[in-house]
């Protein structure tokens, strides 16, 4: 999707760790998961509405 290698992902992860701290990562991941689930649900609803 974004064509990121292992080193780029590692750098992004380290930056996120520095910005939010390890205690906030589970909350951040949970929020990201919920957002992705809602996006997929909305996409599916739009596709069904077009059919």
C-alpha atoms as a PDB file:
ATOM      1  CA  UNK A   1       0.000   0.000   0.000  1.00  0.00           C
ATOM      2  CA  UNK A   2       2.597   2.558   1.062  1.00  0.00           C
ATOM      3  CA  UNK A   3       5.546   0.435  -0.049  1.00  0.00           C
ATOM      4  CA  UNK A   4       7.403   0.847   3.249  1.00  0.00           C
ATOM      5  CA  UNK A   5      10.352  -1.348   4.143  1.00  0.00           C
ATOM      6  CA  UNK A   6      11.241  -2.712   7.546  1.00  0.00           C
ATOM      7  CA  UNK A   7      13.596   0.179   8.359  1.00  0.00           C
ATOM      8  CA  UNK A   8      10.976   2.819   7.554  1.00  0.00           C
ATOM      9  CA  UNK A   9       8.366   1.058   9.681  1.00  0.00           C
ATOM     10  CA  UNK A  10      10.851   0.780  12.546  1.00  0.00           C
ATOM     11  CA  UNK A  11      11.664   4.503  12.359  1.00  0.00           C
ATOM     12  CA  UNK A  12       7.967   5.433  12.348  1.00  0.00           C
ATOM     13  CA  UNK A  13       7.375   3.138  15.336  1.00  0.00           C
ATOM     14  CA  UNK A  14      10.245   4.720  17.275  1.00  0.00           C
ATOM     15  CA  UNK A  15       8.950   8.227  16.559  1.00  0.00           C
ATOM     16  CA  UNK A  16       5.477   7.226  17.751  1.00  0.00           C
ATOM     17  CA  UNK A  17       7.014   5.730  20.902  1.00  0.00           C
ATOM     18  CA  UNK A  18       8.854   8.970  21.612  1.00  0.00           C
ATOM     19  CA  UNK A  19       5.799  11.150  20.997  1.00  0.00           C
ATOM     20  CA  UNK A  20       3.144   9.162  22.859  1.00  0.00           C
ATOM     21  CA  UNK A  21       5.066   6.935  25.244  1.00  0.00           C
ATOM     22  CA  UNK A  22       4.572   3.227  25.784  1.00  0.00           C
ATOM     23  CA  UNK A  23       1.573   3.664  28.075  1.00  0.00           C
ATOM     24  CA  UNK A  24      -0.463   5.398  25.355  1.00  0.00           C
ATOM     25  CA  UNK A  25       0.276   2.901  22.554  1.00  0.00           C
ATOM     26  CA  UNK A  26      -2.536   0.438  23.401  1.00  0.00           C
ATOM     27  CA  UNK A  27      -5.077   3.276  23.411  1.00  0.00           C
ATOM     28  CA  UNK A  28      -3.697   4.578  20.122  1.00  0.00           C
ATOM     29  CA  UNK A  29      -3.793   1.117  18.510  1.00  0.00           C
ATOM     30  CA  UNK A  30      -7.333   0.507  19.762  1.00  0.00           C
ATOM     31  CA  UNK A  31      -8.483   3.830  18.329  1.00  0.00           C
ATOM     32  CA  UNK A  32      -6.805   3.100  15.008  1.00  0.00           C
ATOM     33  CA  UNK A  33      -8.455  -0.328  14.874  1.00  0.00           C
ATOM     34  CA  UNK A  34     -11.875   1.172  15.566  1.00  0.00           C
ATOM     35  CA  UNK A  35     -11.358   3.806  12.883  1.00  0.00           C
ATOM     36  CA  UNK A  36     -10.370   1.170  10.315  1.00  0.00           C
ATOM     37  CA  UNK A  37     -13.394  -0.966  11.229  1.00  0.00           C
ATOM     38  CA  UNK A  38     -15.754   2.001  10.820  1.00  0.00           C
ATOM     39  CA  UNK A  39     -14.159   2.924   7.488  1.00  0.00           C
ATOM     40  CA  UNK A  40     -14.596  -0.617   6.148  1.00  0.00           C
ATOM     41  CA  UNK A  41     -18.186  -0.682   7.380  1.00  0.00           C
ATOM     42  CA  UNK A  42     -18.974   2.636   5.694  1.00  0.00           C
ATOM     43  CA  UNK A  43     -17.301   1.498   2.470  1.00  0.00           C
ATOM     44  CA  UNK A  44     -19.351  -1.690   2.467  1.00  0.00           C
ATOM     45  CA  UNK A  45     -22.566   0.263   3.048  1.00  0.00           C
ATOM     46  CA  UNK A  46     -21.795   2.595   0.139  1.00  0.00           C
ATOM     47  CA  UNK A  47     -21.029  -0.359  -2.147  1.00  0.00           C
ATOM     48  CA  UNK A  48     -24.314  -2.043  -1.176  1.00  0.00           C
ATOM     49  CA  UNK A  49     -26.173   1.217  -1.740  1.00  0.00           C
ATOM     50  CA  UNK A  50     -24.802   1.498  -5.268  1.00  0.00           C
ATOM     51  CA  UNK A  51     -25.940  -2.031  -6.201  1.00  0.00           C
END
